[in-house]
Amino acid sequence: MSDIMVDQPLKPEKTTVGNNLQQQHKQDEEQQPQQSVRRENAEYEDEELHRLLVPDITQLPLTPPSAVESNFVSYFAPDCVIGLASTHLAFKEKGGIMAVDFNVGKSNRSGMKVTGKRKKNAQHFESNTALCKVCTDDDSYIVRWGSLLEVNERLIKQPELLNLSADKEGYIAIVMPKPSDWLKASLLSLEEFKKLRALC
């Protein structure tokens, strides 16, 4: 047997290169609007991010907020924080407040420690019991209140806190009023106090 080779003419295969190029061109044309939309969205997001990170200087406050104002939220608890009103006579005297004395009555109020959820060891005072004595150069004022939970011991060493920040670090004490306490109905909110003192 002999192998016979027969030359057969090769059939030209259909080339799809031309078709592929046309399809690729069509796909590119279709994707161009999508890419431009994506590009526009990315640019818009970059502008928004820049606007948030770098605010307009004309809209910034003259003095930046303190760390306490920006990181903490004030809320009201059933306890009452006792302090001196900004219009108290002690602030108007020459030299301001010089000392705060918690050693009034039969015991030293600063030595009292309250523990637990039910505030064990809280001292229950009558409405006219002295809480502390605030002293100026020429005079002294007695602060009176009800059930004592805590006194601000920092005032013993730093009485100037009352002059500098009476409504925050310079508070006098924390008390817990009873629900039936006669004081509860007579307490004023900050807005009512300002209205009463004509501070608004």
N, C-alpha and C. Protein backbone atom coordinates (compact mmCIF):
# COMPACT_ATOMS: atom_id res chain seq x y z
N MET A 1 0.83 -1.16 0.00
CA MET A 1 0.00 0.00 0.00
C MET A 1 0.87 1.22 0.00
N SER A 2 0.46 2.04 -0.76
CA SER A 2 1.21 3.27 -0.84
C SER A 2 0.30 4.42 -0.42
N ASP A 3 0.94 5.27 0.25
CA ASP A 3 0.17 6.44 0.66
C ASP A 3 0.15 7.41 -0.50
N ILE A 4 -1.04 7.77 -0.84
CA ILE A 4 -1.18 8.71 -1.92
C ILE A 4 -1.64 10.03 -1.31
N MET A 5 -0.87 10.94 -1.69
CA MET A 5 -1.23 12.27 -1.22
C MET A 5 -1.92 13.00 -2.34
N VAL A 6 -3.01 13.48 -1.98
CA VAL A 6 -3.76 14.21 -2.97
C VAL A 6 -3.79 15.67 -2.52
N ASP A 7 -3.40 16.48 -3.42
CA ASP A 7 -3.47 17.91 -3.10
C ASP A 7 -4.90 18.38 -3.31
N GLN A 8 -5.42 18.80 -2.21
CA GLN A 8 -6.75 19.35 -2.30
C GLN A 8 -6.66 20.85 -2.03
N PRO A 9 -7.37 21.57 -2.81
CA PRO A 9 -7.30 23.02 -2.57
C PRO A 9 -7.98 23.37 -1.23
N LEU A 10 -7.31 24.20 -0.49
CA LEU A 10 -7.86 24.62 0.80
C LEU A 10 -8.95 25.66 0.60
N LYS A 11 -10.01 25.45 1.35
CA LYS A 11 -11.11 26.40 1.26
C LYS A 11 -10.78 27.58 2.17
N PRO A 12 -10.92 28.75 1.66
CA PRO A 12 -10.64 29.90 2.53
C PRO A 12 -11.68 29.97 3.65
N GLU A 13 -11.18 30.00 4.92
CA GLU A 13 -12.08 30.11 6.06
C GLU A 13 -12.59 31.53 6.16
N LYS A 14 -13.80 31.63 6.67
CA LYS A 14 -14.36 32.96 6.86
C LYS A 14 -13.67 33.60 8.04
N THR A 15 -13.12 34.71 7.82
CA THR A 15 -12.43 35.41 8.91
C THR A 15 -13.43 36.29 9.64
N THR A 16 -13.32 36.21 10.93
CA THR A 16 -14.21 37.02 11.76
C THR A 16 -13.50 38.22 12.35
N VAL A 17 -12.28 38.43 11.87
CA VAL A 17 -11.51 39.56 12.41
C VAL A 17 -12.20 40.87 12.08
N GLY A 18 -12.67 41.00 10.90
CA GLY A 18 -13.36 42.23 10.52
C GLY A 18 -14.63 42.43 11.32
N ASN A 19 -15.38 41.35 11.50
CA ASN A 19 -16.61 41.43 12.28
C ASN A 19 -16.31 41.75 13.75
N ASN A 20 -15.28 41.12 14.26
CA ASN A 20 -14.90 41.37 15.67
C ASN A 20 -14.51 42.83 15.89
N LEU A 21 -13.80 43.40 14.94
CA LEU A 21 -13.42 44.80 15.06
C LEU A 21 -14.64 45.71 15.04
N GLN A 22 -15.60 45.39 14.21
CA GLN A 22 -16.82 46.19 14.15
C GLN A 22 -17.60 46.09 15.46
N GLN A 23 -17.69 44.85 15.99
CA GLN A 23 -18.41 44.68 17.26
C GLN A 23 -17.68 45.41 18.40
N GLN A 24 -16.37 45.30 18.40
CA GLN A 24 -15.58 45.98 19.44
C GLN A 24 -15.79 47.49 19.34
N HIS A 25 -15.80 48.01 18.14
CA HIS A 25 -16.01 49.43 17.94
C HIS A 25 -17.38 49.86 18.45
N LYS A 26 -18.43 49.03 18.17
CA LYS A 26 -19.77 49.33 18.65
C LYS A 26 -19.82 49.31 20.18
N GLN A 27 -19.17 48.31 20.77
CA GLN A 27 -19.15 48.21 22.24
C GLN A 27 -18.45 49.41 22.86
N ASP A 28 -17.34 49.83 22.24
CA ASP A 28 -16.61 51.01 22.73
C ASP A 28 -17.50 52.24 22.67
N GLU A 29 -18.24 52.39 21.56
CA GLU A 29 -19.12 53.56 21.43
C GLU A 29 -20.23 53.53 22.48
N GLU A 30 -20.75 52.32 22.78
CA GLU A 30 -21.80 52.20 23.80
C GLU A 30 -21.25 52.45 25.20
N GLN A 31 -20.00 52.05 25.45
CA GLN A 31 -19.42 52.20 26.79
C GLN A 31 -18.92 53.60 27.06
N GLN A 32 -18.66 54.36 26.01
CA GLN A 32 -18.15 55.72 26.23
C GLN A 32 -19.10 56.58 27.04
N PRO A 33 -20.40 56.62 26.76
CA PRO A 33 -21.30 57.41 27.62
C PRO A 33 -21.32 56.90 29.06
N GLN A 34 -21.26 55.57 29.23
CA GLN A 34 -21.25 55.02 30.59
C GLN A 34 -19.98 55.43 31.33
N GLN A 35 -18.86 55.39 30.63
CA GLN A 35 -17.60 55.79 31.26
C GLN A 35 -17.59 57.27 31.59
N SER A 36 -18.16 58.08 30.72
CA SER A 36 -18.19 59.52 31.01
C SER A 36 -19.12 59.79 32.19
N VAL A 37 -20.22 59.04 32.31
CA VAL A 37 -21.11 59.20 33.46
C VAL A 37 -20.39 58.79 34.74
N ARG A 38 -19.66 57.68 34.68
CA ARG A 38 -18.88 57.24 35.84
C ARG A 38 -17.84 58.28 36.24
N ARG A 39 -17.17 58.83 35.22
CA ARG A 39 -16.17 59.86 35.47
C ARG A 39 -16.80 61.08 36.13
N GLU A 40 -17.97 61.50 35.63
CA GLU A 40 -18.68 62.65 36.20
C GLU A 40 -19.10 62.36 37.64
N ASN A 41 -19.58 61.14 37.89
CA ASN A 41 -19.97 60.76 39.26
C ASN A 41 -18.76 60.78 40.19
N ALA A 42 -17.64 60.27 39.72
CA ALA A 42 -16.43 60.26 40.55
C ALA A 42 -15.97 61.70 40.84
N GLU A 43 -16.04 62.56 39.84
CA GLU A 43 -15.67 63.96 40.05
C GLU A 43 -16.61 64.63 41.04
N TYR A 44 -17.92 64.35 40.92
CA TYR A 44 -18.91 64.91 41.85
C TYR A 44 -18.64 64.43 43.28
N GLU A 45 -18.34 63.14 43.43
CA GLU A 45 -18.05 62.60 44.76
C GLU A 45 -16.78 63.25 45.34
N ASP A 46 -15.79 63.46 44.49
CA ASP A 46 -14.56 64.12 44.95
C ASP A 46 -14.85 65.55 45.41
N GLU A 47 -15.69 66.26 44.65
CA GLU A 47 -16.05 67.63 45.03
C GLU A 47 -16.82 67.65 46.36
N GLU A 48 -17.75 66.70 46.53
CA GLU A 48 -18.52 66.61 47.77
C GLU A 48 -17.61 66.31 48.95
N LEU A 49 -16.68 65.37 48.75
CA LEU A 49 -15.74 65.03 49.81
C LEU A 49 -14.87 66.22 50.17
N HIS A 50 -14.42 66.95 49.16
CA HIS A 50 -13.60 68.13 49.40
C HIS A 50 -14.40 69.20 50.15
N ARG A 51 -15.68 69.36 49.77
CA ARG A 51 -16.54 70.34 50.43
C ARG A 51 -16.75 69.97 51.91
N LEU A 52 -16.88 68.68 52.19
CA LEU A 52 -17.09 68.25 53.58
C LEU A 52 -15.81 68.37 54.41
N LEU A 53 -14.68 68.02 53.80
CA LEU A 53 -13.42 68.04 54.54
C LEU A 53 -12.84 69.44 54.68
N VAL A 54 -13.04 70.27 53.68
CA VAL A 54 -12.51 71.63 53.70
C VAL A 54 -13.70 72.59 53.59
N PRO A 55 -14.28 72.99 54.73
CA PRO A 55 -15.48 73.85 54.68
C PRO A 55 -15.14 75.26 54.22
N ASP A 56 -16.17 75.95 53.77
CA ASP A 56 -16.03 77.32 53.34
C ASP A 56 -15.65 78.18 54.55
N ILE A 57 -14.58 78.96 54.43
CA ILE A 57 -14.07 79.73 55.56
C ILE A 57 -15.06 80.81 56.01
N THR A 58 -15.92 81.25 55.12
CA THR A 58 -16.90 82.28 55.51
C THR A 58 -18.01 81.72 56.38
N GLN A 59 -18.19 80.40 56.37
CA GLN A 59 -19.25 79.78 57.16
C GLN A 59 -18.75 79.26 58.51
N LEU A 60 -17.47 79.38 58.77
CA LEU A 60 -16.93 78.91 60.05
C LEU A 60 -17.24 79.91 61.17
N PRO A 61 -17.48 79.42 62.41
CA PRO A 61 -17.72 80.35 63.52
C PRO A 61 -16.45 81.10 63.88
N LEU A 62 -16.60 82.25 64.51
CA LEU A 62 -15.43 83.05 64.89
C LEU A 62 -14.55 82.30 65.87
N THR A 63 -15.17 81.64 66.85
CA THR A 63 -14.40 80.81 67.79
C THR A 63 -14.86 79.37 67.63
N PRO A 64 -13.93 78.43 67.51
CA PRO A 64 -14.33 77.04 67.30
C PRO A 64 -14.98 76.48 68.57
N PRO A 65 -15.87 75.48 68.43
CA PRO A 65 -16.49 74.89 69.61
C PRO A 65 -15.46 74.15 70.44
N SER A 66 -15.67 74.13 71.76
CA SER A 66 -14.74 73.43 72.63
C SER A 66 -14.86 71.93 72.42
N ALA A 67 -13.87 71.19 72.91
CA ALA A 67 -13.89 69.73 72.79
C ALA A 67 -15.08 69.15 73.52
N VAL A 68 -15.47 69.74 74.63
CA VAL A 68 -16.62 69.25 75.38
C VAL A 68 -17.90 69.44 74.56
N GLU A 69 -18.07 70.61 73.95
CA GLU A 69 -19.27 70.88 73.16
C GLU A 69 -19.37 69.96 71.94
N SER A 70 -18.25 69.66 71.31
CA SER A 70 -18.30 68.86 70.09
C SER A 70 -18.30 67.36 70.36
N ASN A 71 -17.86 66.91 71.52
CA ASN A 71 -17.76 65.48 71.79
C ASN A 71 -18.74 64.95 72.82
N PHE A 72 -19.40 65.82 73.57
CA PHE A 72 -20.31 65.37 74.61
C PHE A 72 -21.67 66.03 74.43
N VAL A 73 -22.68 65.34 74.92
CA VAL A 73 -24.05 65.85 74.84
C VAL A 73 -24.56 66.07 76.25
N SER A 74 -25.17 67.22 76.48
CA SER A 74 -25.77 67.48 77.79
C SER A 74 -27.13 66.81 77.84
N TYR A 75 -27.43 66.16 78.95
CA TYR A 75 -28.75 65.58 79.13
C TYR A 75 -29.14 65.74 80.59
N PHE A 76 -30.43 65.61 80.85
CA PHE A 76 -30.93 65.82 82.19
C PHE A 76 -31.21 64.49 82.87
N ALA A 77 -30.75 64.36 84.09
CA ALA A 77 -30.99 63.19 84.92
C ALA A 77 -31.92 63.62 86.06
N PRO A 78 -32.49 62.64 86.77
CA PRO A 78 -33.39 63.03 87.87
C PRO A 78 -32.67 63.70 89.04
N ASP A 79 -31.34 63.66 89.04
CA ASP A 79 -30.59 64.36 90.08
C ASP A 79 -30.55 65.84 89.74
N CYS A 80 -30.32 66.65 90.75
CA CYS A 80 -30.22 68.09 90.53
C CYS A 80 -28.80 68.54 90.87
N VAL A 81 -28.23 69.33 90.00
CA VAL A 81 -26.91 69.90 90.26
C VAL A 81 -27.12 71.30 90.82
N ILE A 82 -26.54 71.54 91.97
CA ILE A 82 -26.69 72.82 92.66
C ILE A 82 -25.50 73.70 92.32
N GLY A 83 -25.77 74.91 91.94
CA GLY A 83 -24.72 75.87 91.67
C GLY A 83 -25.21 77.26 92.04
N LEU A 84 -24.40 78.24 91.77
CA LEU A 84 -24.82 79.62 92.00
C LEU A 84 -25.24 80.23 90.68
N ALA A 85 -26.33 80.96 90.71
CA ALA A 85 -26.80 81.64 89.50
C ALA A 85 -25.80 82.73 89.12
N SER A 86 -25.71 83.01 87.84
CA SER A 86 -24.75 84.01 87.36
C SER A 86 -25.06 85.40 87.92
N THR A 87 -26.28 85.60 88.43
CA THR A 87 -26.65 86.91 88.97
C THR A 87 -26.54 86.97 90.50
N HIS A 88 -25.95 85.93 91.11
CA HIS A 88 -25.85 85.89 92.58
C HIS A 88 -24.99 87.05 93.09
N LEU A 89 -25.34 87.53 94.29
CA LEU A 89 -24.61 88.67 94.89
C LEU A 89 -23.13 88.37 95.11
N ALA A 90 -22.80 87.12 95.36
CA ALA A 90 -21.40 86.76 95.64
C ALA A 90 -20.49 87.10 94.46
N PHE A 91 -21.01 87.01 93.24
CA PHE A 91 -20.20 87.33 92.06
C PHE A 91 -19.99 88.83 91.90
N LYS A 92 -20.88 89.63 92.46
CA LYS A 92 -20.80 91.08 92.28
C LYS A 92 -19.88 91.74 93.28
N GLU A 93 -19.51 91.02 94.34
CA GLU A 93 -18.64 91.62 95.35
C GLU A 93 -17.20 91.69 94.86
N LYS A 94 -16.45 92.61 95.39
CA LYS A 94 -15.06 92.82 95.00
C LYS A 94 -14.24 91.58 95.33
N GLY A 95 -13.46 91.10 94.38
CA GLY A 95 -12.62 89.93 94.59
C GLY A 95 -13.32 88.61 94.30
N GLY A 96 -14.63 88.62 94.18
CA GLY A 96 -15.37 87.39 93.87
C GLY A 96 -15.37 86.42 95.04
N ILE A 97 -15.57 85.15 94.75
CA ILE A 97 -15.65 84.12 95.78
C ILE A 97 -14.25 83.68 96.16
N MET A 98 -13.99 83.67 97.45
CA MET A 98 -12.65 83.34 97.96
C MET A 98 -12.55 81.93 98.52
N ALA A 99 -13.65 81.39 99.07
CA ALA A 99 -13.60 80.05 99.67
C ALA A 99 -14.99 79.43 99.70
N VAL A 100 -15.00 78.09 99.73
CA VAL A 100 -16.24 77.33 99.90
C VAL A 100 -16.00 76.37 101.05
N ASP A 101 -16.88 76.42 102.07
CA ASP A 101 -16.72 75.61 103.28
C ASP A 101 -17.88 74.63 103.39
N PHE A 102 -17.58 73.32 103.29
CA PHE A 102 -18.60 72.30 103.43
C PHE A 102 -18.72 71.82 104.88
N ASN A 103 -17.93 72.36 105.78
CA ASN A 103 -17.97 71.98 107.19
C ASN A 103 -18.98 72.88 107.91
N VAL A 104 -20.26 72.61 107.69
CA VAL A 104 -21.33 73.37 108.32
C VAL A 104 -22.25 72.40 109.05
N GLY A 105 -22.90 72.86 110.07
CA GLY A 105 -23.78 71.99 110.83
C GLY A 105 -22.98 71.03 111.69
N LYS A 106 -23.50 69.80 111.87
CA LYS A 106 -22.86 68.82 112.76
C LYS A 106 -21.81 67.98 112.05
N SER A 107 -21.79 67.99 110.72
CA SER A 107 -20.83 67.14 110.01
C SER A 107 -20.23 67.86 108.82
N ASN A 108 -19.09 67.33 108.40
CA ASN A 108 -18.43 67.87 107.22
C ASN A 108 -19.05 67.20 105.99
N ARG A 109 -19.68 67.98 105.12
CA ARG A 109 -20.38 67.42 103.96
C ARG A 109 -19.42 66.82 102.94
N SER A 110 -18.19 67.28 102.91
CA SER A 110 -17.24 66.77 101.92
C SER A 110 -16.75 65.37 102.26
N GLY A 111 -16.91 64.93 103.50
CA GLY A 111 -16.46 63.59 103.89
C GLY A 111 -17.48 62.50 103.59
N MET A 112 -18.65 62.86 103.11
CA MET A 112 -19.71 61.91 102.85
C MET A 112 -19.52 61.20 101.52
N LYS A 113 -19.69 59.87 101.49
CA LYS A 113 -19.56 59.09 100.26
C LYS A 113 -20.85 58.29 100.05
N VAL A 114 -21.44 58.41 98.86
CA VAL A 114 -22.66 57.70 98.51
C VAL A 114 -22.30 56.52 97.62
N THR A 115 -22.94 55.36 97.86
CA THR A 115 -22.62 54.16 97.07
C THR A 115 -23.89 53.50 96.57
N GLY A 116 -23.76 52.76 95.48
CA GLY A 116 -24.82 51.90 94.98
C GLY A 116 -25.93 52.60 94.23
N LYS A 117 -26.78 51.77 93.64
CA LYS A 117 -27.89 52.25 92.83
C LYS A 117 -28.90 53.03 93.67
N ARG A 118 -29.09 52.61 94.90
CA ARG A 118 -30.08 53.26 95.77
C ARG A 118 -29.49 54.40 96.58
N LYS A 119 -28.26 54.78 96.26
CA LYS A 119 -27.59 55.93 96.89
C LYS A 119 -27.53 55.79 98.42
N LYS A 120 -26.98 54.66 98.83
CA LYS A 120 -26.83 54.40 100.26
C LYS A 120 -25.91 55.45 100.87
N ASN A 121 -26.19 55.85 102.06
CA ASN A 121 -25.45 56.86 102.83
C ASN A 121 -25.73 58.29 102.40
N ALA A 122 -26.71 58.51 101.54
CA ALA A 122 -27.07 59.88 101.18
C ALA A 122 -27.61 60.60 102.41
N GLN A 123 -27.23 61.84 102.59
CA GLN A 123 -27.70 62.62 103.73
C GLN A 123 -29.00 63.32 103.33
N HIS A 124 -30.06 63.05 104.09
CA HIS A 124 -31.36 63.66 103.79
C HIS A 124 -31.51 64.90 104.66
N PHE A 125 -31.62 66.05 104.01
CA PHE A 125 -31.71 67.32 104.71
C PHE A 125 -33.13 67.86 104.62
N GLU A 126 -33.43 68.72 105.53
CA GLU A 126 -34.67 69.50 105.44
C GLU A 126 -34.42 70.64 104.46
N SER A 127 -35.49 71.32 104.10
CA SER A 127 -35.37 72.39 103.11
C SER A 127 -34.53 73.55 103.61
N ASN A 128 -34.37 73.67 104.92
CA ASN A 128 -33.59 74.79 105.44
C ASN A 128 -32.23 74.37 106.00
N THR A 129 -31.81 73.12 105.74
CA THR A 129 -30.51 72.65 106.21
C THR A 129 -29.40 73.25 105.36
N ALA A 130 -28.31 73.67 106.02
CA ALA A 130 -27.20 74.29 105.29
C ALA A 130 -26.38 73.22 104.57
N LEU A 131 -26.11 73.47 103.32
CA LEU A 131 -25.30 72.57 102.51
C LEU A 131 -23.83 72.99 102.54
N CYS A 132 -23.59 74.27 102.38
CA CYS A 132 -22.22 74.78 102.43
C CYS A 132 -22.27 76.29 102.65
N LYS A 133 -21.08 76.85 102.88
CA LYS A 133 -20.97 78.30 103.05
C LYS A 133 -20.03 78.82 101.97
N VAL A 134 -20.52 79.78 101.19
CA VAL A 134 -19.72 80.42 100.15
C VAL A 134 -19.23 81.75 100.70
N CYS A 135 -17.90 81.92 100.71
CA CYS A 135 -17.31 83.09 101.36
C CYS A 135 -16.68 84.03 100.34
N THR A 136 -16.93 85.31 100.51
CA THR A 136 -16.25 86.36 99.75
C THR A 136 -15.34 87.10 100.72
N ASP A 137 -14.73 88.19 100.28
CA ASP A 137 -13.87 88.98 101.17
C ASP A 137 -14.63 89.53 102.36
N ASP A 138 -15.82 90.05 102.11
CA ASP A 138 -16.56 90.75 103.15
C ASP A 138 -17.73 89.99 103.73
N ASP A 139 -18.21 88.97 103.06
CA ASP A 139 -19.46 88.34 103.48
C ASP A 139 -19.41 86.84 103.24
N SER A 140 -20.43 86.13 103.74
CA SER A 140 -20.58 84.70 103.46
C SER A 140 -22.04 84.40 103.22
N TYR A 141 -22.29 83.40 102.37
CA TYR A 141 -23.66 83.04 101.99
C TYR A 141 -23.86 81.55 102.25
N ILE A 142 -24.99 81.19 102.83
CA ILE A 142 -25.32 79.80 103.12
C ILE A 142 -26.17 79.25 101.97
N VAL A 143 -25.74 78.09 101.44
CA VAL A 143 -26.51 77.41 100.40
C VAL A 143 -27.31 76.31 101.09
N ARG A 144 -28.61 76.25 100.85
CA ARG A 144 -29.49 75.29 101.51
C ARG A 144 -30.13 74.37 100.47
N TRP A 145 -30.38 73.11 100.89
CA TRP A 145 -31.05 72.19 99.97
C TRP A 145 -31.52 70.94 100.67
N GLY A 146 -31.85 69.86 99.86
CA GLY A 146 -32.43 68.61 100.35
C GLY A 146 -31.45 67.44 100.38
N SER A 147 -31.77 66.26 99.78
CA SER A 147 -30.98 65.02 99.91
C SER A 147 -29.67 65.12 99.15
N LEU A 148 -28.58 65.10 99.87
CA LEU A 148 -27.25 65.31 99.29
C LEU A 148 -26.65 64.00 98.80
N LEU A 149 -26.18 63.98 97.55
CA LEU A 149 -25.49 62.81 97.00
C LEU A 149 -23.99 63.02 96.92
N GLU A 150 -23.59 64.21 96.52
CA GLU A 150 -22.16 64.46 96.28
C GLU A 150 -21.89 65.95 96.37
N VAL A 151 -20.74 66.29 96.91
CA VAL A 151 -20.31 67.68 96.89
C VAL A 151 -19.10 67.79 95.97
N ASN A 152 -18.88 68.96 95.42
CA ASN A 152 -17.75 69.19 94.53
C ASN A 152 -16.53 69.54 95.40
N GLU A 153 -15.72 68.53 95.68
CA GLU A 153 -14.57 68.73 96.56
C GLU A 153 -13.50 69.62 95.94
N ARG A 154 -13.53 69.79 94.62
CA ARG A 154 -12.56 70.66 93.96
C ARG A 154 -12.70 72.10 94.43
N LEU A 155 -13.91 72.47 94.88
CA LEU A 155 -14.13 73.85 95.32
C LEU A 155 -13.37 74.17 96.61
N ILE A 156 -13.04 73.16 97.39
CA ILE A 156 -12.29 73.40 98.63
C ILE A 156 -10.90 73.94 98.28
N LYS A 157 -10.25 73.31 97.30
CA LYS A 157 -8.91 73.75 96.90
C LYS A 157 -8.93 74.83 95.82
N GLN A 158 -9.99 74.83 95.01
CA GLN A 158 -10.08 75.79 93.90
C GLN A 158 -11.41 76.54 93.94
N PRO A 159 -11.62 77.43 94.89
CA PRO A 159 -12.89 78.16 94.94
C PRO A 159 -13.09 79.08 93.75
N GLU A 160 -12.02 79.39 93.01
CA GLU A 160 -12.15 80.27 91.85
C GLU A 160 -12.96 79.62 90.72
N LEU A 161 -13.18 78.28 90.81
CA LEU A 161 -14.03 77.62 89.81
C LEU A 161 -15.43 78.20 89.81
N LEU A 162 -15.90 78.65 90.98
CA LEU A 162 -17.21 79.29 91.03
C LEU A 162 -17.21 80.59 90.25
N ASN A 163 -16.12 81.33 90.29
CA ASN A 163 -16.02 82.58 89.54
C ASN A 163 -15.90 82.32 88.04
N LEU A 164 -15.15 81.27 87.67
CA LEU A 164 -14.86 81.02 86.27
C LEU A 164 -15.94 80.23 85.54
N SER A 165 -16.47 79.19 86.19
CA SER A 165 -17.41 78.30 85.52
C SER A 165 -18.42 77.74 86.51
N ALA A 166 -19.28 78.61 87.00
CA ALA A 166 -20.25 78.22 88.03
C ALA A 166 -21.27 77.21 87.52
N ASP A 167 -21.55 77.22 86.22
CA ASP A 167 -22.57 76.31 85.69
C ASP A 167 -22.02 74.98 85.23
N LYS A 168 -20.68 74.78 85.27
CA LYS A 168 -20.10 73.52 84.83
C LYS A 168 -19.18 72.95 85.91
N GLU A 169 -17.87 73.18 85.80
CA GLU A 169 -16.92 72.62 86.76
C GLU A 169 -17.09 73.21 88.16
N GLY A 170 -17.70 74.37 88.25
CA GLY A 170 -17.85 75.03 89.55
C GLY A 170 -19.17 74.74 90.24
N TYR A 171 -19.79 73.60 89.92
CA TYR A 171 -21.04 73.27 90.60
C TYR A 171 -20.76 73.03 92.09
N ILE A 172 -21.75 73.21 92.92
CA ILE A 172 -21.57 73.07 94.37
C ILE A 172 -21.82 71.64 94.82
N ALA A 173 -22.94 71.07 94.42
CA ALA A 173 -23.28 69.72 94.88
C ALA A 173 -24.29 69.10 93.95
N ILE A 174 -24.49 67.79 94.12
CA ILE A 174 -25.53 67.05 93.41
C ILE A 174 -26.48 66.50 94.46
N VAL A 175 -27.76 66.77 94.27
CA VAL A 175 -28.77 66.28 95.21
C VAL A 175 -29.82 65.48 94.45
N MET A 176 -30.57 64.66 95.19
CA MET A 176 -31.63 63.87 94.59
C MET A 176 -32.94 64.25 95.25
N PRO A 177 -33.79 65.00 94.58
CA PRO A 177 -35.06 65.39 95.19
C PRO A 177 -36.01 64.20 95.27
N LYS A 178 -36.83 64.18 96.30
CA LYS A 178 -37.86 63.16 96.41
C LYS A 178 -39.01 63.54 95.48
N PRO A 179 -39.73 62.55 94.95
CA PRO A 179 -40.83 62.90 94.03
C PRO A 179 -41.87 63.81 94.67
N SER A 180 -42.08 63.62 95.97
CA SER A 180 -43.11 64.44 96.63
C SER A 180 -42.51 65.70 97.25
N ASP A 181 -41.26 65.98 96.90
CA ASP A 181 -40.58 67.10 97.53
C ASP A 181 -41.25 68.42 97.15
N TRP A 182 -41.38 69.30 98.10
CA TRP A 182 -42.00 70.61 97.83
C TRP A 182 -41.16 71.43 96.88
N LEU A 183 -39.89 71.10 96.77
CA LEU A 183 -39.00 71.88 95.92
C LEU A 183 -39.23 71.62 94.43
N LYS A 184 -39.63 70.40 94.11
CA LYS A 184 -39.69 70.01 92.71
C LYS A 184 -40.61 70.93 91.91
N ALA A 185 -41.74 71.27 92.49
CA ALA A 185 -42.69 72.13 91.77
C ALA A 185 -42.19 73.56 91.66
N SER A 186 -41.30 73.95 92.56
CA SER A 186 -40.84 75.34 92.56
C SER A 186 -39.58 75.55 91.74
N LEU A 187 -38.99 74.47 91.18
CA LEU A 187 -37.77 74.61 90.38
C LEU A 187 -38.07 75.30 89.05
N LEU A 188 -37.09 76.05 88.57
CA LEU A 188 -37.24 76.76 87.29
C LEU A 188 -36.33 76.12 86.25
N SER A 189 -36.80 76.09 85.02
CA SER A 189 -35.92 75.69 83.92
C SER A 189 -35.00 76.86 83.61
N LEU A 190 -33.99 76.61 82.78
CA LEU A 190 -33.04 77.67 82.43
C LEU A 190 -33.76 78.83 81.73
N GLU A 191 -34.70 78.51 80.84
CA GLU A 191 -35.43 79.56 80.12
C GLU A 191 -36.29 80.39 81.07
N GLU A 192 -36.96 79.68 82.02
CA GLU A 192 -37.79 80.40 82.99
C GLU A 192 -36.94 81.30 83.88
N PHE A 193 -35.75 80.78 84.27
CA PHE A 193 -34.85 81.57 85.11
C PHE A 193 -34.40 82.83 84.37
N LYS A 194 -34.01 82.66 83.09
CA LYS A 194 -33.56 83.81 82.31
C LYS A 194 -34.68 84.84 82.16
N LYS A 195 -35.91 84.34 81.96
CA LYS A 195 -37.04 85.24 81.82
C LYS A 195 -37.28 85.99 83.13
N LEU A 196 -37.17 85.27 84.25
CA LEU A 196 -37.39 85.87 85.56
C LEU A 196 -36.36 86.96 85.84
N ARG A 197 -35.11 86.70 85.48
CA ARG A 197 -34.03 87.65 85.72
C ARG A 197 -33.83 88.63 84.58
N ALA A 198 -34.67 88.54 83.57
CA ALA A 198 -34.60 89.43 82.39
C ALA A 198 -33.23 89.35 81.72
N LEU A 199 -32.74 88.11 81.51
CA LEU A 199 -31.44 87.91 80.88
C LEU A 199 -31.58 87.63 79.39
N CYS A 200 -32.80 87.40 78.93
CA CYS A 200 -32.99 87.08 77.50
C CYS A 200 -32.96 88.33 76.65
